[in-house]
N, C-alpha and C. Protein backbone atom coordinates (compact mmCIF):
# COMPACT_ATOMS: atom_id res chain seq x y z
N MET A 1 -20.91 8.83 -8.83
CA MET A 1 -20.36 7.58 -8.56
C MET A 1 -20.56 7.03 -7.28
N LYS A 2 -20.63 5.61 -7.42
CA LYS A 2 -21.31 4.96 -5.97
C LYS A 2 -20.03 4.85 -5.40
N MET A 3 -19.85 5.11 -4.11
CA MET A 3 -18.85 5.03 -2.91
C MET A 3 -18.95 3.71 -2.49
N LYS A 4 -17.86 3.14 -2.01
CA LYS A 4 -17.73 1.73 -1.74
C LYS A 4 -17.49 1.95 -0.35
N SER A 5 -18.47 1.08 0.68
CA SER A 5 -18.51 0.93 2.06
C SER A 5 -17.46 0.74 2.78
N ASN A 6 -17.07 1.18 3.90
CA ASN A 6 -15.75 0.94 4.84
C ASN A 6 -15.73 -0.65 5.08
N LYS A 7 -16.76 -1.34 5.16
CA LYS A 7 -16.88 -2.76 5.35
C LYS A 7 -16.42 -3.38 4.29
N GLN A 8 -16.72 -3.02 2.87
CA GLN A 8 -16.30 -3.81 1.77
C GLN A 8 -14.89 -3.68 1.64
N LEU A 9 -14.16 -2.52 2.02
CA LEU A 9 -12.97 -2.19 1.73
C LEU A 9 -12.07 -3.04 2.85
N ASP A 10 -12.59 -3.14 3.93
CA ASP A 10 -12.05 -3.74 5.03
C ASP A 10 -11.89 -5.53 4.70
N ILE A 11 -12.64 -6.17 3.99
CA ILE A 11 -12.50 -7.25 3.76
C ILE A 11 -11.45 -7.69 3.25
N LEU A 12 -10.69 -9.06 3.74
CA LEU A 12 -9.58 -9.50 3.24
C LEU A 12 -10.06 -10.64 2.38
N ASP A 13 -9.82 -10.01 1.03
CA ASP A 13 -10.11 -11.00 0.34
C ASP A 13 -9.20 -11.68 -0.92
N THR A 14 -7.93 -11.36 -0.49
CA THR A 14 -6.75 -11.82 -1.34
C THR A 14 -5.69 -12.04 -0.39
N VAL A 15 -5.17 -13.33 -0.34
CA VAL A 15 -4.05 -13.62 0.37
C VAL A 15 -2.81 -14.40 -0.60
N VAL A 16 -1.64 -13.87 -0.22
CA VAL A 16 -0.54 -14.95 -1.06
C VAL A 16 0.14 -15.39 0.02
N GLY A 17 0.03 -16.70 0.19
CA GLY A 17 0.52 -17.19 1.46
C GLY A 17 2.05 -17.49 1.21
N ALA A 18 2.82 -17.75 2.51
CA ALA A 18 4.13 -18.23 2.62
C ALA A 18 4.50 -19.43 1.66
N GLY A 19 5.28 -19.25 0.98
CA GLY A 19 6.17 -20.07 0.27
C GLY A 19 5.21 -20.28 -1.09
N SER A 20 4.36 -19.22 -1.54
CA SER A 20 3.57 -19.18 -2.76
C SER A 20 4.31 -18.01 -3.43
N THR A 21 4.10 -17.70 -4.70
CA THR A 21 4.69 -16.80 -5.45
C THR A 21 3.51 -16.64 -6.81
N PHE A 22 3.33 -15.37 -6.80
CA PHE A 22 2.24 -14.94 -7.79
C PHE A 22 2.83 -13.74 -8.83
N GLU A 23 2.85 -14.37 -9.96
CA GLU A 23 3.27 -13.18 -11.38
C GLU A 23 1.96 -12.92 -12.00
N GLY A 24 1.97 -11.49 -11.84
CA GLY A 24 0.74 -11.05 -12.66
C GLY A 24 0.29 -9.86 -11.88
N THR A 25 -0.93 -9.50 -12.30
CA THR A 25 -1.46 -8.05 -11.68
C THR A 25 -2.46 -8.55 -10.79
N ILE A 26 -2.50 -7.69 -9.77
CA ILE A 26 -3.62 -8.05 -8.71
C ILE A 26 -4.52 -6.81 -8.62
N LYS A 27 -5.82 -6.94 -8.80
CA LYS A 27 -6.80 -5.65 -8.75
C LYS A 27 -8.09 -6.20 -7.93
N THR A 28 -8.43 -5.52 -6.78
CA THR A 28 -9.29 -5.77 -5.98
C THR A 28 -10.11 -4.71 -5.38
N GLU A 29 -11.28 -5.05 -4.96
CA GLU A 29 -12.05 -3.96 -4.26
C GLU A 29 -11.87 -4.15 -2.59
N GLY A 30 -11.35 -5.16 -2.13
CA GLY A 30 -11.24 -5.34 -1.01
C GLY A 30 -9.63 -5.28 -0.43
N SER A 31 -9.21 -5.96 0.06
CA SER A 31 -7.74 -5.76 0.84
C SER A 31 -7.01 -6.87 0.75
N VAL A 32 -5.77 -6.81 0.46
CA VAL A 32 -4.62 -7.77 0.42
C VAL A 32 -3.40 -8.05 1.41
N ARG A 33 -3.47 -9.28 1.55
CA ARG A 33 -2.26 -9.64 2.66
C ARG A 33 -1.13 -10.41 1.79
N VAL A 34 0.10 -10.24 1.99
CA VAL A 34 0.98 -11.02 1.07
C VAL A 34 2.21 -11.66 2.17
N GLU A 35 2.19 -12.98 2.12
CA GLU A 35 3.49 -13.45 2.86
C GLU A 35 4.45 -14.28 2.02
N GLY A 36 4.10 -14.30 0.97
CA GLY A 36 4.92 -14.92 0.12
C GLY A 36 5.21 -13.98 -0.94
N LYS A 37 5.68 -14.18 -2.14
CA LYS A 37 6.20 -13.10 -3.18
C LYS A 37 5.03 -12.84 -4.20
N VAL A 38 5.31 -11.57 -4.78
CA VAL A 38 4.48 -11.20 -5.73
C VAL A 38 5.24 -10.35 -6.62
N LEU A 39 5.22 -10.82 -7.95
CA LEU A 39 6.01 -10.28 -9.09
C LEU A 39 4.91 -9.54 -10.09
N GLY A 40 4.63 -8.25 -9.89
CA GLY A 40 3.58 -7.52 -10.62
C GLY A 40 2.70 -6.66 -9.82
N ASP A 41 1.81 -5.88 -10.82
CA ASP A 41 1.37 -4.74 -9.98
C ASP A 41 0.26 -5.04 -9.09
N ILE A 42 0.13 -4.13 -7.96
CA ILE A 42 -1.28 -4.33 -7.23
C ILE A 42 -2.08 -3.18 -7.11
N THR A 43 -3.27 -3.26 -7.38
CA THR A 43 -4.21 -2.02 -7.23
C THR A 43 -5.31 -2.67 -6.14
N CYS A 44 -5.51 -1.91 -5.01
CA CYS A 44 -6.76 -2.40 -4.39
C CYS A 44 -7.39 -1.50 -3.54
N SER A 45 -8.65 -1.43 -3.62
CA SER A 45 -9.42 -0.15 -2.96
C SER A 45 -9.26 -0.33 -1.43
N GLY A 46 -8.89 -1.67 -0.71
CA GLY A 46 -8.80 -1.41 0.66
C GLY A 46 -7.16 -1.40 1.09
N ASP A 47 -6.95 -2.09 1.95
CA ASP A 47 -5.40 -2.08 2.47
C ASP A 47 -4.85 -3.02 1.91
N LEU A 48 -3.31 -2.81 2.05
CA LEU A 48 -2.38 -4.04 1.73
C LEU A 48 -1.65 -3.98 2.78
N THR A 49 -1.20 -5.38 3.08
CA THR A 49 -0.53 -5.63 4.30
C THR A 49 0.78 -6.68 3.87
N VAL A 50 1.94 -6.32 4.20
CA VAL A 50 2.90 -7.19 3.55
C VAL A 50 3.61 -7.70 5.04
N GLY A 51 3.44 -9.02 5.45
CA GLY A 51 4.00 -9.56 6.36
C GLY A 51 5.37 -9.56 6.42
N ALA A 52 5.88 -10.16 7.30
CA ALA A 52 7.45 -10.20 7.55
C ALA A 52 8.01 -11.03 6.63
N SER A 53 7.36 -12.20 5.87
CA SER A 53 8.13 -13.02 5.06
C SER A 53 7.57 -12.52 3.48
N GLY A 54 6.65 -11.60 3.69
CA GLY A 54 6.44 -11.03 2.20
C GLY A 54 7.09 -10.29 1.35
N ASN A 55 7.47 -10.36 -0.03
CA ASN A 55 8.12 -9.74 -0.77
C ASN A 55 7.54 -9.52 -2.17
N ILE A 56 7.62 -8.07 -2.13
CA ILE A 56 6.86 -7.67 -3.26
C ILE A 56 7.75 -6.85 -4.43
N GLU A 57 7.60 -7.10 -5.63
CA GLU A 57 8.32 -6.47 -6.60
C GLU A 57 7.27 -5.94 -7.59
N ALA A 58 6.91 -4.52 -7.25
CA ALA A 58 5.61 -4.22 -7.78
C ALA A 58 5.45 -2.56 -7.72
N ASN A 59 4.84 -2.02 -8.46
CA ASN A 59 3.98 -0.65 -8.29
C ASN A 59 2.70 -0.89 -7.47
N ILE A 60 2.44 -0.34 -6.30
CA ILE A 60 0.93 -0.47 -5.61
C ILE A 60 0.22 0.85 -5.11
N ASP A 61 -0.97 0.54 -5.59
CA ASP A 61 -1.82 1.47 -5.27
C ASP A 61 -3.19 0.94 -4.39
N ALA A 62 -3.16 1.74 -3.27
CA ALA A 62 -4.07 1.10 -2.25
C ALA A 62 -4.51 2.09 -1.18
N ARG A 63 -5.47 2.01 -0.43
CA ARG A 63 -5.96 2.82 0.89
C ARG A 63 -4.61 2.78 1.67
N ASN A 64 -4.55 1.82 2.40
CA ASN A 64 -3.29 2.03 3.36
C ASN A 64 -2.34 1.06 3.16
N ILE A 65 -1.10 1.10 3.33
CA ILE A 65 -0.04 0.07 3.14
C ILE A 65 0.81 0.00 4.54
N THR A 66 0.79 -1.22 5.06
CA THR A 66 1.45 -1.85 5.98
C THR A 66 2.71 -2.63 5.58
N ILE A 67 3.85 -2.30 5.93
CA ILE A 67 5.11 -3.18 5.48
C ILE A 67 5.79 -3.69 6.48
N ALA A 68 5.56 -5.01 6.90
CA ALA A 68 6.86 -5.67 7.92
C ALA A 68 7.74 -6.56 6.95
N GLY A 69 7.60 -6.83 5.74
CA GLY A 69 8.52 -7.60 4.85
C GLY A 69 9.04 -6.33 3.95
N THR A 70 9.11 -6.92 2.68
CA THR A 70 9.94 -6.00 1.85
C THR A 70 9.04 -5.78 0.37
N ILE A 71 9.12 -4.44 -0.04
CA ILE A 71 8.65 -3.91 -1.31
C ILE A 71 9.61 -3.41 -1.77
N SER A 72 9.72 -3.80 -3.14
CA SER A 72 10.62 -2.97 -4.28
C SER A 72 9.84 -2.58 -5.29
N GLY A 73 9.53 -1.01 -5.41
CA GLY A 73 8.51 -0.70 -6.45
C GLY A 73 8.02 0.54 -5.62
N ASN A 74 7.21 1.27 -6.29
CA ASN A 74 6.59 2.54 -6.12
C ASN A 74 5.32 2.29 -5.35
N VAL A 75 5.01 3.23 -4.06
CA VAL A 75 3.65 2.88 -3.71
C VAL A 75 3.07 4.29 -3.77
N ARG A 76 1.51 4.10 -3.83
CA ARG A 76 0.79 5.33 -3.62
C ARG A 76 -0.34 4.64 -2.52
N ALA A 77 -0.67 5.57 -1.54
CA ALA A 77 -1.51 5.44 -0.78
C ALA A 77 -2.69 6.67 -0.34
N SER A 78 -3.89 6.23 -0.50
CA SER A 78 -4.67 7.59 -0.13
C SER A 78 -4.83 7.74 1.33
N GLY A 79 -3.84 7.05 2.44
CA GLY A 79 -4.16 6.93 3.24
C GLY A 79 -2.65 7.04 3.88
N ILE A 80 -2.33 5.95 4.76
CA ILE A 80 -1.10 5.85 5.53
C ILE A 80 -0.28 4.72 4.72
N VAL A 81 1.01 4.86 4.60
CA VAL A 81 2.21 4.19 4.61
C VAL A 81 2.81 3.82 5.77
N HIS A 82 3.00 2.70 6.43
CA HIS A 82 3.41 2.19 7.64
C HIS A 82 4.67 1.20 7.52
N ILE A 83 5.91 1.84 7.63
CA ILE A 83 6.95 0.76 7.47
C ILE A 83 7.36 0.24 8.93
N GLU A 84 7.00 -1.14 9.50
CA GLU A 84 7.14 -1.69 10.65
C GLU A 84 8.94 -1.78 10.85
N LYS A 85 9.33 -2.18 11.94
CA LYS A 85 10.57 -2.05 12.38
C LYS A 85 11.41 -3.11 11.71
N LYS A 86 11.12 -4.24 11.08
CA LYS A 86 11.85 -4.70 9.97
C LYS A 86 11.52 -4.69 8.41
N GLY A 87 10.66 -3.65 8.28
CA GLY A 87 10.06 -3.50 7.08
C GLY A 87 11.03 -2.65 6.16
N HIS A 88 10.89 -3.10 4.72
CA HIS A 88 11.67 -1.97 3.71
C HIS A 88 10.78 -1.90 2.94
N LEU A 89 11.16 -0.58 2.32
CA LEU A 89 10.52 -0.05 1.12
C LEU A 89 11.71 0.75 0.44
N LEU A 90 11.98 0.06 -0.97
CA LEU A 90 12.75 0.39 -1.69
C LEU A 90 12.33 1.05 -2.88
N GLY A 91 12.01 1.96 -2.93
CA GLY A 91 10.81 2.80 -3.98
C GLY A 91 10.41 4.26 -3.48
N ASN A 92 9.59 4.82 -4.51
CA ASN A 92 9.23 6.30 -3.94
C ASN A 92 7.60 5.88 -3.33
N ALA A 93 7.36 6.60 -2.47
CA ALA A 93 6.33 6.68 -1.69
C ALA A 93 5.42 7.93 -1.68
N HIS A 94 4.12 7.74 -2.23
CA HIS A 94 3.24 9.03 -2.25
C HIS A 94 1.95 8.81 -1.31
N MET A 95 1.59 9.52 -0.31
CA MET A 95 0.65 8.93 0.42
C MET A 95 0.53 10.26 1.53
N LYS A 96 -0.78 10.12 2.12
CA LYS A 96 -1.36 11.16 3.01
C LYS A 96 -0.35 11.42 4.10
N ALA A 97 -0.21 10.16 4.91
CA ALA A 97 0.95 10.07 6.39
C ALA A 97 1.68 8.99 6.17
N PHE A 98 3.06 9.34 6.90
CA PHE A 98 3.88 8.29 6.72
C PHE A 98 4.39 7.91 8.06
N ILE A 99 4.50 6.69 8.21
CA ILE A 99 5.06 6.21 9.59
C ILE A 99 6.19 5.29 9.51
N ILE A 100 7.37 5.39 9.77
CA ILE A 100 8.57 4.69 9.87
C ILE A 100 8.69 4.27 11.51
N ASP A 101 8.72 3.18 11.96
CA ASP A 101 9.29 2.53 13.01
C ASP A 101 10.61 2.50 13.27
N GLU A 102 11.17 2.60 14.35
CA GLU A 102 12.53 2.45 14.41
C GLU A 102 13.05 1.19 13.79
N GLY A 103 14.09 1.23 13.17
CA GLY A 103 14.63 -0.14 12.57
C GLY A 103 14.17 -0.23 10.98
N GLY A 104 12.92 0.33 10.90
CA GLY A 104 12.38 0.42 9.43
C GLY A 104 13.28 1.00 8.26
N ILE A 105 13.18 0.38 7.07
CA ILE A 105 14.42 1.05 6.14
C ILE A 105 13.28 1.75 4.97
N PHE A 106 13.81 2.78 4.54
CA PHE A 106 13.13 3.61 3.45
C PHE A 106 14.15 4.15 2.55
N GLU A 107 14.39 3.58 1.22
CA GLU A 107 15.13 4.07 0.27
C GLU A 107 14.39 4.64 -0.74
N GLY A 108 14.30 5.84 -0.95
CA GLY A 108 13.43 6.54 -2.30
C GLY A 108 12.92 8.00 -1.86
N GLU A 109 12.10 8.28 -2.46
CA GLU A 109 11.47 9.72 -2.31
C GLU A 109 10.03 9.70 -1.77
N SER A 110 9.79 10.64 -1.18
CA SER A 110 8.45 10.75 -0.45
C SER A 110 7.94 11.73 -0.79
N LYS A 111 6.45 11.81 -0.97
CA LYS A 111 5.75 12.98 -1.33
C LYS A 111 4.20 12.75 -0.29
N MET A 112 4.06 13.61 0.25
CA MET A 112 2.82 13.57 1.21
C MET A 112 1.51 14.79 0.69
N ASP A 113 0.55 14.25 0.31
CA ASP A 113 -0.57 15.05 0.23
C ASP A 113 -1.62 14.94 0.92
N ASP A 114 -2.70 15.87 0.66
CA ASP A 114 -3.95 15.63 1.32
C ASP A 114 -4.82 14.81 0.26
N PHE A 115 -5.46 14.14 0.35
CA PHE A 115 -6.22 13.12 -0.73
C PHE A 115 -8.09 13.46 -0.23
N ASN A 116 -8.63 13.72 -1.31
CA ASN A 116 -10.06 13.59 -0.98
C ASN A 116 -10.88 12.32 -1.16
N ILE A 117 -12.03 12.13 -0.84
CA ILE A 117 -12.54 11.00 -0.87
C ILE A 117 -12.78 10.29 -2.05
N GLU A 118 -13.06 11.00 -2.91
CA GLU A 118 -13.48 10.78 -4.38
C GLU A 118 -12.28 10.48 -5.35
N GLY A 119 -11.17 9.91 -4.97
CA GLY A 119 -9.92 9.56 -5.59
C GLY A 119 -8.86 10.24 -4.99
N ASN A 120 -7.67 9.76 -5.63
CA ASN A 120 -6.40 10.59 -5.50
C ASN A 120 -6.11 12.00 -5.94
N LYS A 121 -7.00 12.85 -5.59
CA LYS A 121 -6.83 14.14 -6.03
C LYS A 121 -6.54 15.16 -5.03
N LYS A 122 -5.74 16.00 -5.21
CA LYS A 122 -5.11 16.81 -4.23
C LYS A 122 -6.27 17.95 -3.85
N LEU A 123 -6.59 18.17 -2.51
CA LEU A 123 -7.55 18.96 -1.84
C LEU A 123 -6.82 20.30 -2.44
N GLU A 124 -7.65 21.17 -2.64
CA GLU A 124 -7.18 22.91 -2.95
C GLU A 124 -7.59 23.46 -1.80
N ILE A 125 -6.97 24.18 -1.13
CA ILE A 125 -7.06 25.09 -0.03
C ILE A 125 -7.16 26.54 -0.53
N ALA A 126 -8.23 27.19 -0.51
CA ALA A 126 -8.35 28.57 -0.92
C ALA A 126 -7.49 29.63 0.08
N ALA A 127 -7.03 30.50 -0.47
CA ALA A 127 -6.05 31.57 0.20
C ALA A 127 -7.31 32.40 1.07
N GLU A 128 -6.77 32.86 2.17
CA GLU A 128 -7.71 33.80 2.84
C GLU A 128 -7.15 35.31 2.25
């Protein structure tokens, strides 16, 4: 399996601008920024950033997820989910690390796992 370079994952190749609404599924090898509204699922190999004016009603799978706006749906990140001070996550979260700034809102269940590089599989730790 060919690994994606971090450079490719860091490229912001999809933007939903303020005042725009996107209905459907977004799948990308890069990163996504949402300042408008998205109704549908998002799968991106890179990072998802939801700006202050962003509103997403979807299930999300991404490397890292930063929320300054609102997500209504379940999220899965192989890295970090970060809810900023005015961000809202209304749904379940499954990730490696979780940050909620003071003032950020999370309503749902959370599960933290160790993930390996080749996919979202839990690392097994051998008993000594």
